[in-house]
Structures are given as C-alpha cells and as structure tokens.
Amino acid sequence: MFVLFAAAGLGLVTLLVIVFAPNIRKYAAGGVCKSSARLDGKTVLITGANTGIGKETALDLAVRGARVIMACRDVEKGEEAAASIRASYSQAQVEVRELDLADTCSIRAFAQKFLREVNHLHILINNAGVMMCPYTKTIDGFEMHIGVNHLGHFLLTSLLIGLLKRSAPARIVVVSSLAHNFGWIRFHDLHSQGSYNSGLAYCQSKLANVLFARELARRLTGTSVTVNSVHPGTVNSDLTRHSTLMTIFFTVFSMFLKTPREGAQTSIYCAVAEELHSISGKHFSDCAPAFVAPQGRSEETARRLWDASCELLGIEWD
C-alpha cells in the first residue's frame, strides 16, 4: 500500500512540474539586466571567464562593444571560450590571459604584464571562484576557498586599483553568494587548520567577498571608482564539480536553477546600468538591491579582515 501511495504521489508531483514548468522556469530565471548601455572604447577584465557566468558575462559585454580580457587559469579552455564568443558575435574583441588566483606569483606577473600593455581599465569583475573543495592549499599555503575567492582577488585588485582610478569612472564587481549569510570570519583559524568543513569554508570566503566590497567602497569614496558585490543566484554550472552530492542535486533539480546566462545578469547589471554610476558598497541579486547578513555589515570586521589580508599577502594598501 505504501509503495502505491508513494508512486501516486511521485506521479502527481511529476504532473504538476510538467504543467507548471513554464512558470517555474520564469521564476527561477530571476531578474534581467534591461540596460542597453554601450561599452565602445571601454576595457573590461573578467576573472574565470572561460566557463559559466563568467563566459556569459564576457559575451554580453563584448556584444556591447567592450574590449574584454578573459583572465583564466586554464588558457586552453579560455581560448575555446573566446572562440565560442567570437562564433556567437563575430565582432567580439576578446582576448585570453593566464591568471592563477591560487598563486600570488602568477597574480603579480599577470598584473605586471597587464599594466605594461593595457592603458585603461573601466570594469573589473572578480568572478572566478572555487566551491566545496576537499581540503587543499594554494601555492602560498592559504586554504583554497579563502585563498582563491578572497585573497587572490584582493591582491589582484590592489595591483590594478591605480589603473582603475586613472580610468575613472570605473566599476568593480565582486561576485559573492547568498552563502555569505551562513559564513563567519574565523580570524583565529582563517585557513581552517584546526577543523575543516568545505561548505563552511566556502561560506566564509563569500562573506569575505561582501566585506571586501564594502570596505573597498568606503576607501574609494570620491574617486569615481565604485564597488558592489552580487549574488548571481543558484546557477547550474560546474562550480559544484567537487561535490558529488551537490552535482546530483543540481542535475535532478535543474529546472529550478538558473542557467549561466541567467546567473550572469546581475554581474552585467552592476557593470553597465546607468542608474548605478554613483552607487557603491551595496549588494545586489536579481538586478536589485539585496539583503546583507549582519556579519556582512560589520565595519569592524571589514577593517580587521582588510588588515589581516594585507598581512597575509605582505602588502600595504591604505
């Protein structure tokens, strides 16, 4: 009898999903960037642009006329993505450069060459990230999530901030996540050496993204360089590749998830929307202002994280 009821229930759920599929997809897609702003003559740098929302962001901004520089760890995959973008839009000005955010030497080499060869930078999108990795460390000994998602982008931004200021008005977009709500900055054990949980490590790094954006925005007041963070939504991408359970879950419930193109909309919105030209230090989701957890609004925590990041990276950034 139980099996009969279970089968009937499953059949009913399946029928409802089929009937309401168009509405489900429309809801899951979320907000859309409606700006028609052109970016002719503008230079954009996007990290992790070889796949997922990074690639879709690169395509959209290239169609708007921007010169898009795709910073990728895997250059071969980056070139494949660039070729795909050119196939979609023949006039796309896209180029690939090698950048490994898990290696500060790579970040410094990238920035040195970038500053030597690129005269302007109008939009920086810190998009690359890792999620739920098994415990591993970066080349410099940082836990991978905090090392790549936060410290790598912190260093990259510090090295390019002068060019952004000289290119102003300019924008910085930091891709965070709703997961920041569940994160805490564990100053006593930033690298999770005492205990490690891949989910919590990811949440900590996403909270660090929000805090970084808010503190950087405060420090850039009056420079015409704005900084905002975004939650792209729950996107069906390869970001879950390190978690078998998450991969299965995303596959089964793909109808309820955003596509990479849909997930890119808020990054695009923060990069181009005319109404955001002077908005800084905010958090967005679905192309609209979004809630920030109390721990993400703490100025004391943001300043302390800033100082800790500078110390770990061996830099001075006032």
C-alpha atoms as a PDB file:
ATOM      1  CA  MET A   1       0.000   0.000   0.000  1.00  0.00           C
ATOM      2  CA  PHE A   2       2.829   2.382   0.905  1.00  0.00           C
ATOM      3  CA  VAL A   3       4.505   1.764  -2.444  1.00  0.00           C
ATOM      4  CA  LEU A   4       1.208   2.501  -4.211  1.00  0.00           C
ATOM      5  CA  PHE A   5       0.755   5.799  -2.395  1.00  0.00           C
ATOM      6  CA  ALA A   6       4.395   6.741  -2.978  1.00  0.00           C
ATOM      7  CA  ALA A   7       4.089   6.035  -6.691  1.00  0.00           C
ATOM      8  CA  ALA A   8       0.859   8.048  -6.891  1.00  0.00           C
ATOM      9  CA  GLY A   9       2.479  10.947  -5.041  1.00  0.00           C
ATOM     10  CA  LEU A  10       5.518  10.897  -7.298  1.00  0.00           C
ATOM     11  CA  GLY A  11       3.259  10.814 -10.342  1.00  0.00           C
ATOM     12  CA  LEU A  12       1.265  13.792  -9.068  1.00  0.00           C
ATOM     13  CA  VAL A  13       4.426  15.798  -8.387  1.00  0.00           C
ATOM     14  CA  THR A  14       5.762  14.953 -11.849  1.00  0.00           C
ATOM     15  CA  LEU A  15       2.484  16.044 -13.440  1.00  0.00           C
ATOM     16  CA  LEU A  16       2.478  19.329 -11.532  1.00  0.00           C
ATOM     17  CA  VAL A  17       6.080  20.038 -12.543  1.00  0.00           C
ATOM     18  CA  ILE A  18       5.230  19.420 -16.208  1.00  0.00           C
ATOM     19  CA  VAL A  19       2.097  21.593 -16.067  1.00  0.00           C
ATOM     20  CA  PHE A  20       3.774  24.470 -14.275  1.00  0.00           C
ATOM     21  CA  ALA A  21       7.192  24.131 -15.946  1.00  0.00           C
ATOM     22  CA  PRO A  22       6.969  27.484 -17.819  1.00  0.00           C
ATOM     23  CA  ASN A  23       6.105  29.329 -14.601  1.00  0.00           C
ATOM     24  CA  ILE A  24       8.809  27.519 -12.656  1.00  0.00           C
ATOM     25  CA  ARG A  25      11.436  28.418 -15.236  1.00  0.00           C
ATOM     26  CA  LYS A  26      10.304  32.051 -15.351  1.00  0.00           C
ATOM     27  CA  TYR A  27      10.570  32.326 -11.568  1.00  0.00           C
ATOM     28  CA  ALA A  28      13.913  30.525 -11.433  1.00  0.00           C
ATOM     29  CA  ALA A  29      15.408  32.765 -14.127  1.00  0.00           C
ATOM     30  CA  GLY A  30      15.205  35.798 -11.844  1.00  0.00           C
ATOM     31  CA  GLY A  31      15.956  39.393 -12.790  1.00  0.00           C
ATOM     32  CA  VAL A  32      17.203  40.500 -16.185  1.00  0.00           C
ATOM     33  CA  CYS A  33      19.521  43.406 -16.946  1.00  0.00           C
ATOM     34  CA  LYS A  34      17.429  45.725 -19.115  1.00  0.00           C
ATOM     35  CA  SER A  35      20.124  48.316 -19.734  1.00  0.00           C
ATOM     36  CA  SER A  36      21.055  48.903 -23.368  1.00  0.00           C
ATOM     37  CA  ALA A  37      24.250  50.768 -22.445  1.00  0.00           C
ATOM     38  CA  ARG A  38      27.097  50.538 -24.932  1.00  0.00           C
ATOM     39  CA  LEU A  39      30.705  49.960 -23.886  1.00  0.00           C
ATOM     40  CA  ASP A  40      32.507  51.061 -27.028  1.00  0.00           C
ATOM     41  CA  GLY A  41      36.065  52.095 -26.173  1.00  0.00           C
ATOM     42  CA  LYS A  42      35.858  50.519 -22.715  1.00  0.00           C
ATOM     43  CA  THR A  43      38.145  47.803 -21.375  1.00  0.00           C
ATOM     44  CA  VAL A  44      36.814  45.030 -19.157  1.00  0.00           C
ATOM     45  CA  LEU A  45      38.698  42.397 -17.169  1.00  0.00           C
ATOM     46  CA  ILE A  46      36.842  39.276 -16.005  1.00  0.00           C
ATOM     47  CA  THR A  47      38.423  36.525 -13.947  1.00  0.00           C
ATOM     48  CA  GLY A  48      37.263  32.961 -14.513  1.00  0.00           C
ATOM     49  CA  ALA A  49      35.709  33.896 -17.854  1.00  0.00           C
ATOM     50  CA  ASN A  50      36.226  30.536 -19.562  1.00  0.00           C
ATOM     51  CA  THR A  51      33.010  28.969 -18.267  1.00  0.00           C
ATOM     52  CA  GLY A  52      29.694  29.557 -16.538  1.00  0.00           C
ATOM     53  CA  ILE A  53      28.540  33.043 -15.649  1.00  0.00           C
ATOM     54  CA  GLY A  54      31.999  34.463 -16.386  1.00  0.00           C
ATOM     55  CA  LYS A  55      31.810  33.380 -20.000  1.00  0.00           C
ATOM     56  CA  GLU A  56      28.244  34.669 -20.365  1.00  0.00           C
ATOM     57  CA  THR A  57      29.253  37.994 -18.833  1.00  0.00           C
ATOM     58  CA  ALA A  58      32.159  38.236 -21.265  1.00  0.00           C
ATOM     59  CA  LEU A  59      29.853  37.562 -24.220  1.00  0.00           C
ATOM     60  CA  ASP A  60      27.320  40.181 -23.172  1.00  0.00           C
ATOM     61  CA  LEU A  61      29.885  42.909 -22.573  1.00  0.00           C
ATOM     62  CA  ALA A  62      31.676  42.083 -25.837  1.00  0.00           C
ATOM     63  CA  VAL A  63      28.385  42.472 -27.720  1.00  0.00           C
ATOM     64  CA  ARG A  64      28.102  45.915 -26.115  1.00  0.00           C
ATOM     65  CA  GLY A  65      31.387  46.880 -27.777  1.00  0.00           C
ATOM     66  CA  ALA A  66      33.863  46.430 -24.941  1.00  0.00           C
ATOM     67  CA  ARG A  67      37.333  45.032 -25.227  1.00  0.00           C
ATOM     68  CA  VAL A  68      37.065  42.037 -22.901  1.00  0.00           C
ATOM     69  CA  ILE A  69      40.125  40.463 -21.338  1.00  0.00           C
ATOM     70  CA  MET A  70      39.411  36.975 -20.043  1.00  0.00           C
ATOM     71  CA  ALA A  71      41.739  36.044 -17.184  1.00  0.00           C
ATOM     72  CA  CYS A  72      41.807  32.243 -16.905  1.00  0.00           C
ATOM     73  CA  ARG A  73      43.875  29.636 -15.102  1.00  0.00           C
ATOM     74  CA  ASP A  74      43.465  27.208 -17.993  1.00  0.00           C
ATOM     75  CA  VAL A  75      44.464  29.139 -21.111  1.00  0.00           C
ATOM     76  CA  GLU A  76      43.403  26.352 -23.472  1.00  0.00           C
ATOM     77  CA  LYS A  77      39.867  26.346 -22.090  1.00  0.00           C
ATOM     78  CA  GLY A  78      39.947  30.129 -22.135  1.00  0.00           C
ATOM     79  CA  GLU A  79      40.789  30.157 -25.840  1.00  0.00           C
ATOM     80  CA  GLU A  80      37.954  27.706 -26.503  1.00  0.00           C
ATOM     81  CA  ALA A  81      35.564  30.025 -24.678  1.00  0.00           C
ATOM     82  CA  ALA A  82      36.883  33.042 -26.599  1.00  0.00           C
ATOM     83  CA  ALA A  83      36.395  31.193 -29.887  1.00  0.00           C
ATOM     84  CA  SER A  84      32.842  30.370 -28.846  1.00  0.00           C
ATOM     85  CA  ILE A  85      32.170  34.036 -28.098  1.00  0.00           C
ATOM     86  CA  ARG A  86      33.583  35.079 -31.486  1.00  0.00           C
ATOM     87  CA  ALA A  87      31.380  32.446 -33.145  1.00  0.00           C
ATOM     88  CA  SER A  88      28.357  33.990 -31.445  1.00  0.00           C
ATOM     89  CA  TYR A  89      29.417  37.572 -32.212  1.00  0.00           C
ATOM     90  CA  SER A  90      31.971  37.982 -34.989  1.00  0.00           C
ATOM     91  CA  GLN A  91      32.990  41.495 -33.927  1.00  0.00           C
ATOM     92  CA  ALA A  92      33.809  40.496 -30.362  1.00  0.00           C
ATOM     93  CA  GLN A  93      37.074  41.948 -29.029  1.00  0.00           C
ATOM     94  CA  VAL A  94      38.050  39.203 -26.618  1.00  0.00           C
ATOM     95  CA  GLU A  95      41.472  38.028 -25.552  1.00  0.00           C
ATOM     96  CA  VAL A  96      42.704  35.457 -23.066  1.00  0.00           C
ATOM     97  CA  ARG A  97      45.447  35.923 -20.485  1.00  0.00           C
ATOM     98  CA  GLU A  98      46.781  33.440 -17.971  1.00  0.00           C
ATOM     99  CA  LEU A  99      45.956  34.042 -14.317  1.00  0.00           C
ATOM    100  CA  ASP A 100      46.091  31.551 -11.459  1.00  0.00           C
ATOM    101  CA  LEU A 101      44.450  33.075  -8.395  1.00  0.00           C
ATOM    102  CA  ALA A 102      45.871  30.273  -6.258  1.00  0.00           C
ATOM    103  CA  ASP A 103      49.404  31.576  -6.879  1.00  0.00           C
ATOM    104  CA  THR A 104      50.423  35.101  -5.861  1.00  0.00           C
ATOM    105  CA  CYS A 105      53.417  34.953  -8.224  1.00  0.00           C
ATOM    106  CA  SER A 106      51.014  34.341 -11.117  1.00  0.00           C
ATOM    107  CA  ILE A 107      48.814  37.229  -9.963  1.00  0.00           C
ATOM    108  CA  ARG A 108      51.762  39.601  -9.764  1.00  0.00           C
ATOM    109  CA  ALA A 109      53.107  38.505 -13.157  1.00  0.00           C
ATOM    110  CA  PHE A 110      49.656  38.937 -14.692  1.00  0.00           C
ATOM    111  CA  ALA A 111      49.261  42.431 -13.239  1.00  0.00           C
ATOM    112  CA  GLN A 112      52.763  43.498 -14.260  1.00  0.00           C
ATOM    113  CA  LYS A 113      52.157  42.495 -17.877  1.00  0.00           C
ATOM    114  CA  PHE A 114      48.632  43.921 -17.837  1.00  0.00           C
ATOM    115  CA  LEU A 115      49.826  47.319 -16.613  1.00  0.00           C
ATOM    116  CA  ARG A 116      52.567  47.337 -19.216  1.00  0.00           C
ATOM    117  CA  GLU A 117      50.271  46.543 -22.133  1.00  0.00           C
ATOM    118  CA  VAL A 118      46.825  47.910 -21.233  1.00  0.00           C
ATOM    119  CA  ASN A 119      46.291  51.661 -20.912  1.00  0.00           C
ATOM    120  CA  HIS A 120      42.811  51.697 -19.384  1.00  0.00           C
ATOM    121  CA  LEU A 121      40.601  49.511 -17.211  1.00  0.00           C
ATOM    122  CA  HIS A 122      36.986  50.586 -16.823  1.00  0.00           C
ATOM    123  CA  ILE A 123      35.368  47.464 -15.393  1.00  0.00           C
ATOM    124  CA  LEU A 124      36.924  44.745 -13.214  1.00  0.00           C
ATOM    125  CA  ILE A 125      34.732  41.737 -12.471  1.00  0.00           C
ATOM    126  CA  ASN A 126      36.122  39.456  -9.772  1.00  0.00           C
ATOM    127  CA  ASN A 127      34.159  36.418 -10.885  1.00  0.00           C
ATOM    128  CA  ALA A 128      36.389  33.343 -10.528  1.00  0.00           C
ATOM    129  CA  GLY A 129      35.841  31.040  -7.611  1.00  0.00           C
ATOM    130  CA  VAL A 130      36.006  27.556  -6.145  1.00  0.00           C
ATOM    131  CA  MET A 131      33.318  25.773  -4.153  1.00  0.00           C
ATOM    132  CA  MET A 132      33.335  22.906  -1.651  1.00  0.00           C
ATOM    133  CA  CYS A 133      36.836  21.680  -2.463  1.00  0.00           C
ATOM    134  CA  PRO A 134      38.439  18.938  -0.440  1.00  0.00           C
ATOM    135  CA  TYR A 135      40.999  20.444   1.913  1.00  0.00           C
ATOM    136  CA  THR A 136      43.809  21.831  -0.204  1.00  0.00           C
ATOM    137  CA  LYS A 137      46.119  24.813  -0.042  1.00  0.00           C
ATOM    138  CA  THR A 138      47.189  27.399  -2.577  1.00  0.00           C
ATOM    139  CA  ILE A 139      50.816  27.707  -3.680  1.00  0.00           C
ATOM    140  CA  ASP A 140      51.297  30.218  -0.864  1.00  0.00           C
ATOM    141  CA  GLY A 141      49.780  27.993   1.808  1.00  0.00           C
ATOM    142  CA  PHE A 142      46.331  29.578   2.055  1.00  0.00           C
ATOM    143  CA  GLU A 143      43.234  27.386   2.389  1.00  0.00           C
ATOM    144  CA  MET A 144      41.870  27.165  -1.153  1.00  0.00           C
ATOM    145  CA  HIS A 145      38.497  28.880  -0.686  1.00  0.00           C
ATOM    146  CA  ILE A 146      39.757  31.918   1.212  1.00  0.00           C
ATOM    147  CA  GLY A 147      42.912  31.927  -0.920  1.00  0.00           C
ATOM    148  CA  VAL A 148      41.246  31.989  -4.343  1.00  0.00           C
ATOM    149  CA  ASN A 149      37.848  33.542  -3.676  1.00  0.00           C
ATOM    150  CA  HIS A 150      39.105  36.334  -1.430  1.00  0.00           C
ATOM    151  CA  LEU A 151      42.866  36.756  -1.114  1.00  0.00           C
ATOM    152  CA  GLY A 152      43.629  36.207  -4.808  1.00  0.00           C
ATOM    153  CA  HIS A 153      41.108  38.839  -5.875  1.00  0.00           C
ATOM    154  CA  PHE A 154      42.182  41.148  -3.036  1.00  0.00           C
ATOM    155  CA  LEU A 155      45.757  41.100  -4.339  1.00  0.00           C
ATOM    156  CA  LEU A 156      44.724  41.445  -7.982  1.00  0.00           C
ATOM    157  CA  THR A 157      42.507  44.431  -7.219  1.00  0.00           C
ATOM    158  CA  SER A 158      45.231  46.116  -5.165  1.00  0.00           C
ATOM    159  CA  LEU A 159      47.654  45.829  -8.081  1.00  0.00           C
ATOM    160  CA  LEU A 160      45.154  47.249 -10.603  1.00  0.00           C
ATOM    161  CA  ILE A 161      43.482  49.901  -8.453  1.00  0.00           C
ATOM    162  CA  GLY A 162      45.773  52.669  -9.703  1.00  0.00           C
ATOM    163  CA  LEU A 163      44.813  51.961 -13.317  1.00  0.00           C
ATOM    164  CA  LEU A 164      41.136  51.846 -12.382  1.00  0.00           C
ATOM    165  CA  LYS A 165      41.416  55.259 -10.724  1.00  0.00           C
ATOM    166  CA  ARG A 166      43.173  56.709 -13.767  1.00  0.00           C
ATOM    167  CA  SER A 167      40.445  55.256 -15.993  1.00  0.00           C
ATOM    168  CA  ALA A 168      37.558  56.587 -13.881  1.00  0.00           C
ATOM    169  CA  PRO A 169      34.645  56.468 -13.958  1.00  0.00           C
ATOM    170  CA  ALA A 170      35.254  52.771 -13.338  1.00  0.00           C
ATOM    171  CA  ARG A 171      33.474  49.900 -11.653  1.00  0.00           C
ATOM    172  CA  ILE A 172      34.472  46.827  -9.675  1.00  0.00           C
ATOM    173  CA  VAL A 173      32.021  43.945  -9.362  1.00  0.00           C
ATOM    174  CA  VAL A 174      32.701  41.268  -6.755  1.00  0.00           C
ATOM    175  CA  VAL A 175      30.814  38.001  -7.232  1.00  0.00           C
ATOM    176  CA  SER A 176      29.750  36.729  -3.824  1.00  0.00           C
ATOM    177  CA  SER A 177      26.829  34.490  -2.879  1.00  0.00           C
ATOM    178  CA  LEU A 178      23.772  34.110  -0.697  1.00  0.00           C
ATOM    179  CA  ALA A 179      26.024  31.696   1.174  1.00  0.00           C
ATOM    180  CA  HIS A 180      27.635  34.699   2.886  1.00  0.00           C
ATOM    181  CA  ASN A 181      24.644  34.604   5.252  1.00  0.00           C
ATOM    182  CA  PHE A 182      25.998  31.374   6.727  1.00  0.00           C
ATOM    183  CA  GLY A 183      29.605  32.485   6.959  1.00  0.00           C
ATOM    184  CA  TRP A 184      31.750  33.837   9.773  1.00  0.00           C
ATOM    185  CA  ILE A 185      35.285  35.167   9.535  1.00  0.00           C
ATOM    186  CA  ARG A 186      37.291  32.840  11.744  1.00  0.00           C
ATOM    187  CA  PHE A 187      40.216  35.138  12.458  1.00  0.00           C
ATOM    188  CA  HIS A 188      41.713  32.587  14.827  1.00  0.00           C
ATOM    189  CA  ASP A 189      41.792  29.988  12.030  1.00  0.00           C
ATOM    190  CA  LEU A 190      41.271  31.627   8.629  1.00  0.00           C
ATOM    191  CA  HIS A 191      42.836  28.666   6.850  1.00  0.00           C
ATOM    192  CA  SER A 192      40.752  26.013   8.628  1.00  0.00           C
ATOM    193  CA  GLN A 193      43.778  24.210  10.008  1.00  0.00           C
ATOM    194  CA  GLY A 194      42.059  23.370  13.286  1.00  0.00           C
ATOM    195  CA  SER A 195      38.998  21.876  11.640  1.00  0.00           C
ATOM    196  CA  TYR A 196      37.695  21.838   8.088  1.00  0.00           C
ATOM    197  CA  ASN A 197      34.254  21.806   6.523  1.00  0.00           C
ATOM    198  CA  SER A 198      34.175  22.568   2.809  1.00  0.00           C
ATOM    199  CA  GLY A 199      30.742  24.187   2.986  1.00  0.00           C
ATOM    200  CA  LEU A 200      31.670  26.479   5.863  1.00  0.00           C
ATOM    201  CA  ALA A 201      34.981  27.363   4.207  1.00  0.00           C
ATOM    202  CA  TYR A 202      33.066  28.412   1.091  1.00  0.00           C
ATOM    203  CA  CYS A 203      30.608  30.472   3.144  1.00  0.00           C
ATOM    204  CA  GLN A 204      33.478  32.224   4.932  1.00  0.00           C
ATOM    205  CA  SER A 205      35.068  33.170   1.603  1.00  0.00           C
ATOM    206  CA  LYS A 206      31.771  34.527   0.251  1.00  0.00           C
ATOM    207  CA  LEU A 207      31.316  36.637   3.390  1.00  0.00           C
ATOM    208  CA  ALA A 208      34.857  37.900   2.854  1.00  0.00           C
ATOM    209  CA  ASN A 209      33.803  38.992  -0.654  1.00  0.00           C
ATOM    210  CA  VAL A 210      30.951  41.101   0.739  1.00  0.00           C
ATOM    211  CA  LEU A 211      33.143  42.636   3.444  1.00  0.00           C
ATOM    212  CA  PHE A 212      35.901  43.401   0.940  1.00  0.00           C
ATOM    213  CA  ALA A 213      33.494  45.147  -1.418  1.00  0.00           C
ATOM    214  CA  ARG A 214      32.039  47.287   1.350  1.00  0.00           C
ATOM    215  CA  GLU A 215      35.410  48.261   2.839  1.00  0.00           C
ATOM    216  CA  LEU A 216      36.957  48.979  -0.568  1.00  0.00           C
ATOM    217  CA  ALA A 217      33.959  51.129  -1.475  1.00  0.00           C
ATOM    218  CA  ARG A 218      34.480  53.133   1.707  1.00  0.00           C
ATOM    219  CA  ARG A 219      38.142  53.654   0.935  1.00  0.00           C
ATOM    220  CA  LEU A 220      37.385  54.698  -2.668  1.00  0.00           C
ATOM    221  CA  THR A 221      34.888  57.387  -1.735  1.00  0.00           C
ATOM    222  CA  GLY A 222      35.380  60.397  -4.030  1.00  0.00           C
ATOM    223  CA  THR A 223      37.450  58.559  -6.650  1.00  0.00           C
ATOM    224  CA  SER A 224      34.643  57.792  -9.159  1.00  0.00           C
ATOM    225  CA  VAL A 225      35.504  54.091  -8.808  1.00  0.00           C
ATOM    226  CA  THR A 226      32.552  52.139  -7.448  1.00  0.00           C
ATOM    227  CA  VAL A 227      32.485  48.669  -5.902  1.00  0.00           C
ATOM    228  CA  ASN A 228      29.475  46.415  -5.457  1.00  0.00           C
ATOM    229  CA  SER A 229      29.017  42.734  -4.669  1.00  0.00           C
ATOM    230  CA  VAL A 230      26.485  40.385  -6.226  1.00  0.00           C
ATOM    231  CA  HIS A 231      24.700  37.128  -5.579  1.00  0.00           C
ATOM    232  CA  PRO A 232      24.236  35.532  -9.021  1.00  0.00           C
ATOM    233  CA  GLY A 233      21.573  33.104  -7.827  1.00  0.00           C
ATOM    234  CA  THR A 234      21.744  29.332  -7.687  1.00  0.00           C
ATOM    235  CA  VAL A 235      23.294  28.592 -11.064  1.00  0.00           C
ATOM    236  CA  ASN A 236      23.569  25.247 -12.802  1.00  0.00           C
ATOM    237  CA  SER A 237      27.299  25.282 -13.558  1.00  0.00           C
ATOM    238  CA  ASP A 238      30.430  23.208 -13.000  1.00  0.00           C
ATOM    239  CA  LEU A 239      31.177  25.043  -9.757  1.00  0.00           C
ATOM    240  CA  THR A 240      29.778  22.038  -7.886  1.00  0.00           C
ATOM    241  CA  ARG A 241      32.253  19.616  -9.504  1.00  0.00           C
ATOM    242  CA  HIS A 242      33.996  18.933  -6.175  1.00  0.00           C
ATOM    243  CA  SER A 243      30.789  17.727  -4.515  1.00  0.00           C
ATOM    244  CA  THR A 244      29.120  14.585  -5.856  1.00  0.00           C
ATOM    245  CA  LEU A 245      26.029  15.219  -3.724  1.00  0.00           C
ATOM    246  CA  MET A 246      25.663  18.804  -4.995  1.00  0.00           C
ATOM    247  CA  THR A 247      26.204  17.679  -8.590  1.00  0.00           C
ATOM    248  CA  ILE A 248      23.423  15.088  -8.279  1.00  0.00           C
ATOM    249  CA  PHE A 249      21.141  17.607  -6.581  1.00  0.00           C
ATOM    250  CA  PHE A 250      21.744  20.237  -9.273  1.00  0.00           C
ATOM    251  CA  THR A 251      21.110  17.681 -12.013  1.00  0.00           C
ATOM    252  CA  VAL A 252      17.826  16.455 -10.530  1.00  0.00           C
ATOM    253  CA  PHE A 253      16.512  19.950  -9.790  1.00  0.00           C
ATOM    254  CA  SER A 254      17.997  21.731 -12.820  1.00  0.00           C
ATOM    255  CA  MET A 255      14.581  23.163 -13.728  1.00  0.00           C
ATOM    256  CA  PHE A 256      14.681  25.204 -10.524  1.00  0.00           C
ATOM    257  CA  LEU A 257      18.163  26.580 -11.157  1.00  0.00           C
ATOM    258  CA  LYS A 258      19.415  29.458 -13.249  1.00  0.00           C
ATOM    259  CA  THR A 259      21.304  28.897 -16.454  1.00  0.00           C
ATOM    260  CA  PRO A 260      24.747  30.541 -16.644  1.00  0.00           C
ATOM    261  CA  ARG A 261      23.252  33.272 -18.847  1.00  0.00           C
ATOM    262  CA  GLU A 262      20.561  33.966 -16.270  1.00  0.00           C
ATOM    263  CA  GLY A 263      23.114  33.884 -13.475  1.00  0.00           C
ATOM    264  CA  ALA A 264      25.258  36.469 -15.252  1.00  0.00           C
ATOM    265  CA  GLN A 265      22.518  39.101 -15.336  1.00  0.00           C
ATOM    266  CA  THR A 266      23.283  40.770 -12.012  1.00  0.00           C
ATOM    267  CA  SER A 267      27.020  40.992 -12.750  1.00  0.00           C
ATOM    268  CA  ILE A 268      26.155  42.584 -16.092  1.00  0.00           C
ATOM    269  CA  TYR A 269      23.676  44.919 -14.413  1.00  0.00           C
ATOM    270  CA  CYS A 270      26.243  46.155 -11.884  1.00  0.00           C
ATOM    271  CA  ALA A 271      28.785  46.628 -14.681  1.00  0.00           C
ATOM    272  CA  VAL A 272      26.640  48.664 -17.069  1.00  0.00           C
ATOM    273  CA  ALA A 273      23.413  50.025 -15.534  1.00  0.00           C
ATOM    274  CA  GLU A 274      23.367  53.808 -15.877  1.00  0.00           C
ATOM    275  CA  GLU A 275      21.476  54.270 -12.605  1.00  0.00           C
ATOM    276  CA  LEU A 276      24.352  52.677 -10.670  1.00  0.00           C
ATOM    277  CA  HIS A 277      27.025  55.121 -11.821  1.00  0.00           C
ATOM    278  CA  SER A 278      27.456  56.526  -8.300  1.00  0.00           C
ATOM    279  CA  ILE A 279      26.200  53.582  -6.225  1.00  0.00           C
ATOM    280  CA  SER A 280      28.933  51.865  -4.234  1.00  0.00           C
ATOM    281  CA  GLY A 281      29.280  49.488  -1.322  1.00  0.00           C
ATOM    282  CA  LYS A 282      25.967  47.747  -1.977  1.00  0.00           C
ATOM    283  CA  HIS A 283      24.945  44.151  -2.563  1.00  0.00           C
ATOM    284  CA  PHE A 284      22.715  43.054  -5.444  1.00  0.00           C
ATOM    285  CA  SER A 285      20.759  39.993  -6.542  1.00  0.00           C
ATOM    286  CA  ASP A 286      18.359  39.605  -9.469  1.00  0.00           C
ATOM    287  CA  CYS A 287      19.371  43.092 -10.657  1.00  0.00           C
ATOM    288  CA  ALA A 288      18.086  44.718  -7.470  1.00  0.00           C
ATOM    289  CA  PRO A 289      19.462  45.644  -4.031  1.00  0.00           C
ATOM    290  CA  ALA A 290      19.700  42.575  -1.809  1.00  0.00           C
ATOM    291  CA  PHE A 291      19.843  41.753   1.879  1.00  0.00           C
ATOM    292  CA  VAL A 292      23.229  41.595   3.568  1.00  0.00           C
ATOM    293  CA  ALA A 293      23.636  39.495   6.696  1.00  0.00           C
ATOM    294  CA  PRO A 294      24.542  41.368   9.916  1.00  0.00           C
ATOM    295  CA  GLN A 295      28.069  39.897   9.878  1.00  0.00           C
ATOM    296  CA  GLY A 296      28.447  41.292   6.360  1.00  0.00           C
ATOM    297  CA  ARG A 297      27.595  44.809   7.544  1.00  0.00           C
ATOM    298  CA  SER A 298      30.141  44.978  10.354  1.00  0.00           C
ATOM    299  CA  GLU A 299      32.615  47.792   9.668  1.00  0.00           C
ATOM    300  CA  GLU A 300      34.900  46.495  12.414  1.00  0.00           C
ATOM    301  CA  THR A 301      35.046  43.025  10.855  1.00  0.00           C
ATOM    302  CA  ALA A 302      35.617  44.501   7.394  1.00  0.00           C
ATOM    303  CA  ARG A 303      38.559  46.606   8.578  1.00  0.00           C
ATOM    304  CA  ARG A 304      40.026  43.723  10.545  1.00  0.00           C
ATOM    305  CA  LEU A 305      39.753  41.430   7.520  1.00  0.00           C
ATOM    306  CA  TRP A 306      41.384  44.117   5.357  1.00  0.00           C
ATOM    307  CA  ASP A 307      44.363  44.336   7.725  1.00  0.00           C
ATOM    308  CA  ALA A 308      44.629  40.546   8.008  1.00  0.00           C
ATOM    309  CA  SER A 309      44.543  40.196   4.213  1.00  0.00           C
ATOM    310  CA  CYS A 310      47.304  42.761   3.754  1.00  0.00           C
ATOM    311  CA  GLU A 311      49.435  40.993   6.361  1.00  0.00           C
ATOM    312  CA  LEU A 312      48.945  37.570   4.782  1.00  0.00           C
ATOM    313  CA  LEU A 313      49.815  38.925   1.326  1.00  0.00           C
ATOM    314  CA  GLY A 314      52.692  41.047   2.551  1.00  0.00           C
ATOM    315  CA  ILE A 315      51.318  44.261   1.066  1.00  0.00           C
ATOM    316  CA  GLU A 316      50.424  47.767   2.243  1.00  0.00           C
ATOM    317  CA  TRP A 317      47.150  49.128   0.925  1.00  0.00           C
ATOM    318  CA  ASP A 318      45.829  52.181   2.707  1.00  0.00           C
END
